[in-house]
Amino acid sequence: MRRFKILPSESGLWSVIDSLTGLPAERYGRPLTGLTRYEAEEAAFNLSESTPPWMALVRHRRR
């Protein structure tokens, strides 16, 4: 199972979700939301490939 998955929104845009936290994934401090399907698939794949399997804890900012 991949850690990062994509989910559609009602607007037709996509988000990359961290399956460990259920929150939108972030890249360079920006949430990965409001993406085209292609952008979301690429981001989810790249994040899943670059995240070591032993990394279980992630830090998220409180908003």
N, C-alpha and C. Protein backbone atom coordinates (compact mmCIF):
# COMPACT_ATOMS: atom_id res chain seq x y z
N MET A 1 0.84 -1.18 0.00
CA MET A 1 0.00 0.00 0.00
C MET A 1 0.89 1.25 0.00
N ARG A 2 0.56 2.18 -0.82
CA ARG A 2 1.31 3.43 -0.89
C ARG A 2 0.85 4.38 0.21
N ARG A 3 1.80 5.14 0.71
CA ARG A 3 1.48 6.08 1.79
C ARG A 3 0.63 7.24 1.30
N PHE A 4 0.87 7.71 0.08
CA PHE A 4 0.16 8.88 -0.44
C PHE A 4 -0.82 8.46 -1.52
N LYS A 5 -2.06 8.94 -1.40
CA LYS A 5 -3.09 8.61 -2.39
C LYS A 5 -3.77 9.90 -2.84
N ILE A 6 -4.52 9.81 -3.91
CA ILE A 6 -5.20 11.01 -4.42
C ILE A 6 -6.70 10.87 -4.23
N LEU A 7 -7.33 12.00 -3.97
CA LEU A 7 -8.79 12.04 -3.81
C LEU A 7 -9.35 13.22 -4.60
N PRO A 8 -10.50 13.00 -5.26
CA PRO A 8 -11.12 14.11 -6.01
C PRO A 8 -11.95 14.99 -5.07
N SER A 9 -12.13 16.22 -5.49
CA SER A 9 -13.03 17.12 -4.76
C SER A 9 -14.26 17.36 -5.64
N GLU A 10 -15.26 18.01 -5.09
CA GLU A 10 -16.48 18.29 -5.85
C GLU A 10 -16.23 19.23 -7.01
N SER A 11 -15.16 20.03 -6.91
CA SER A 11 -14.85 21.00 -7.97
C SER A 11 -14.18 20.35 -9.18
N GLY A 12 -13.84 19.06 -9.06
CA GLY A 12 -13.17 18.38 -10.15
C GLY A 12 -11.66 18.40 -10.04
N LEU A 13 -11.14 19.08 -9.01
CA LEU A 13 -9.70 19.09 -8.78
C LEU A 13 -9.34 17.99 -7.79
N TRP A 14 -8.05 17.74 -7.62
CA TRP A 14 -7.58 16.60 -6.83
C TRP A 14 -6.65 17.05 -5.71
N SER A 15 -6.57 16.21 -4.67
CA SER A 15 -5.66 16.44 -3.55
C SER A 15 -4.84 15.18 -3.32
N VAL A 16 -3.62 15.37 -2.81
CA VAL A 16 -2.78 14.25 -2.39
C VAL A 16 -2.94 14.13 -0.88
N ILE A 17 -3.32 12.95 -0.41
CA ILE A 17 -3.60 12.71 1.00
C ILE A 17 -2.56 11.75 1.58
N ASP A 18 -2.06 12.08 2.77
CA ASP A 18 -1.15 11.21 3.50
C ASP A 18 -2.01 10.17 4.22
N SER A 19 -1.86 8.91 3.86
CA SER A 19 -2.73 7.88 4.42
C SER A 19 -2.44 7.62 5.90
N LEU A 20 -1.29 8.06 6.42
CA LEU A 20 -1.01 7.89 7.85
C LEU A 20 -1.77 8.90 8.70
N THR A 21 -1.95 10.09 8.18
CA THR A 21 -2.58 11.15 8.97
C THR A 21 -3.99 11.51 8.50
N GLY A 22 -4.30 11.19 7.23
CA GLY A 22 -5.58 11.58 6.66
C GLY A 22 -5.63 13.04 6.24
N LEU A 23 -4.50 13.74 6.33
CA LEU A 23 -4.42 15.16 5.98
C LEU A 23 -3.79 15.34 4.60
N PRO A 24 -4.03 16.48 3.97
CA PRO A 24 -3.36 16.74 2.70
C PRO A 24 -1.84 16.73 2.89
N ALA A 25 -1.16 16.10 1.96
CA ALA A 25 0.31 16.10 1.99
C ALA A 25 0.81 17.50 1.65
N GLU A 26 2.03 17.79 2.08
CA GLU A 26 2.63 19.09 1.77
C GLU A 26 3.96 18.87 1.07
N ARG A 27 4.28 19.77 0.19
CA ARG A 27 5.58 19.77 -0.50
C ARG A 27 6.09 21.20 -0.46
N TYR A 28 7.29 21.38 0.09
CA TYR A 28 7.88 22.72 0.23
C TYR A 28 6.96 23.66 1.01
N GLY A 29 6.26 23.11 2.01
CA GLY A 29 5.40 23.92 2.86
C GLY A 29 4.05 24.27 2.28
N ARG A 30 3.73 23.74 1.11
CA ARG A 30 2.43 24.05 0.47
C ARG A 30 1.59 22.78 0.40
N PRO A 31 0.31 22.87 0.78
CA PRO A 31 -0.56 21.69 0.69
C PRO A 31 -0.79 21.29 -0.76
N LEU A 32 -0.82 20.00 -0.99
CA LEU A 32 -1.04 19.49 -2.35
C LEU A 32 -2.53 19.30 -2.59
N THR A 33 -3.22 20.42 -2.79
CA THR A 33 -4.65 20.44 -3.06
C THR A 33 -4.90 21.30 -4.29
N GLY A 34 -6.05 21.12 -4.91
CA GLY A 34 -6.41 21.94 -6.07
C GLY A 34 -5.58 21.62 -7.29
N LEU A 35 -5.21 20.35 -7.45
CA LEU A 35 -4.35 19.91 -8.55
C LEU A 35 -5.17 19.24 -9.65
N THR A 36 -4.60 19.19 -10.85
CA THR A 36 -5.20 18.35 -11.89
C THR A 36 -4.94 16.90 -11.50
N ARG A 37 -5.66 16.00 -12.11
CA ARG A 37 -5.45 14.58 -11.78
C ARG A 37 -4.02 14.16 -12.09
N TYR A 38 -3.49 14.61 -13.23
CA TYR A 38 -2.12 14.27 -13.60
C TYR A 38 -1.12 14.78 -12.56
N GLU A 39 -1.28 16.04 -12.14
CA GLU A 39 -0.38 16.61 -11.14
C GLU A 39 -0.44 15.83 -9.82
N ALA A 40 -1.67 15.48 -9.41
CA ALA A 40 -1.85 14.74 -8.16
C ALA A 40 -1.23 13.35 -8.25
N GLU A 41 -1.42 12.65 -9.38
CA GLU A 41 -0.84 11.32 -9.54
C GLU A 41 0.69 11.39 -9.51
N GLU A 42 1.26 12.36 -10.20
CA GLU A 42 2.72 12.52 -10.22
C GLU A 42 3.25 12.83 -8.82
N ALA A 43 2.60 13.74 -8.11
CA ALA A 43 3.05 14.12 -6.77
C ALA A 43 2.94 12.94 -5.81
N ALA A 44 1.83 12.21 -5.85
CA ALA A 44 1.65 11.06 -4.95
C ALA A 44 2.70 10.00 -5.23
N PHE A 45 2.97 9.73 -6.50
CA PHE A 45 3.99 8.74 -6.85
C PHE A 45 5.35 9.18 -6.36
N ASN A 46 5.72 10.43 -6.63
CA ASN A 46 7.04 10.93 -6.22
C ASN A 46 7.20 10.95 -4.71
N LEU A 47 6.17 11.36 -3.99
CA LEU A 47 6.25 11.36 -2.53
C LEU A 47 6.36 9.93 -1.99
N SER A 48 5.59 9.01 -2.55
CA SER A 48 5.62 7.62 -2.08
C SER A 48 6.99 7.00 -2.34
N GLU A 49 7.59 7.32 -3.47
CA GLU A 49 8.90 6.76 -3.81
C GLU A 49 10.02 7.38 -2.97
N SER A 50 9.86 8.64 -2.57
CA SER A 50 10.94 9.33 -1.86
C SER A 50 10.83 9.24 -0.34
N THR A 51 9.72 8.72 0.18
CA THR A 51 9.53 8.61 1.62
C THR A 51 9.99 7.24 2.08
N PRO A 52 11.01 7.17 2.96
CA PRO A 52 11.47 5.87 3.44
C PRO A 52 10.37 5.13 4.18
N PRO A 53 10.30 3.81 4.01
CA PRO A 53 9.23 3.03 4.67
C PRO A 53 9.27 3.12 6.19
N TRP A 54 10.44 3.35 6.77
CA TRP A 54 10.55 3.41 8.23
C TRP A 54 10.07 4.74 8.80
N MET A 55 9.81 5.71 7.95
CA MET A 55 9.38 7.02 8.45
C MET A 55 7.89 6.98 8.76
N ALA A 56 7.58 6.80 10.03
CA ALA A 56 6.17 6.67 10.41
C ALA A 56 5.58 7.97 10.95
N LEU A 57 6.43 8.85 11.44
CA LEU A 57 5.93 10.09 12.03
C LEU A 57 6.17 11.25 11.09
N VAL A 58 5.17 12.08 10.95
CA VAL A 58 5.30 13.29 10.14
C VAL A 58 4.83 14.47 10.97
N ARG A 59 5.30 15.63 10.62
CA ARG A 59 4.94 16.83 11.36
C ARG A 59 4.01 17.67 10.50
N HIS A 60 2.91 18.09 11.06
CA HIS A 60 1.96 18.94 10.35
C HIS A 60 1.73 20.20 11.16
N ARG A 61 1.60 21.29 10.47
CA ARG A 61 1.29 22.56 11.13
C ARG A 61 -0.19 22.58 11.51
N ARG A 62 -0.45 23.16 12.62
CA ARG A 62 -1.85 23.38 13.01
C ARG A 62 -2.30 24.69 12.41
N ARG A 63 -3.49 24.69 11.84
CA ARG A 63 -4.00 25.90 11.19
C ARG A 63 -5.06 26.55 12.00
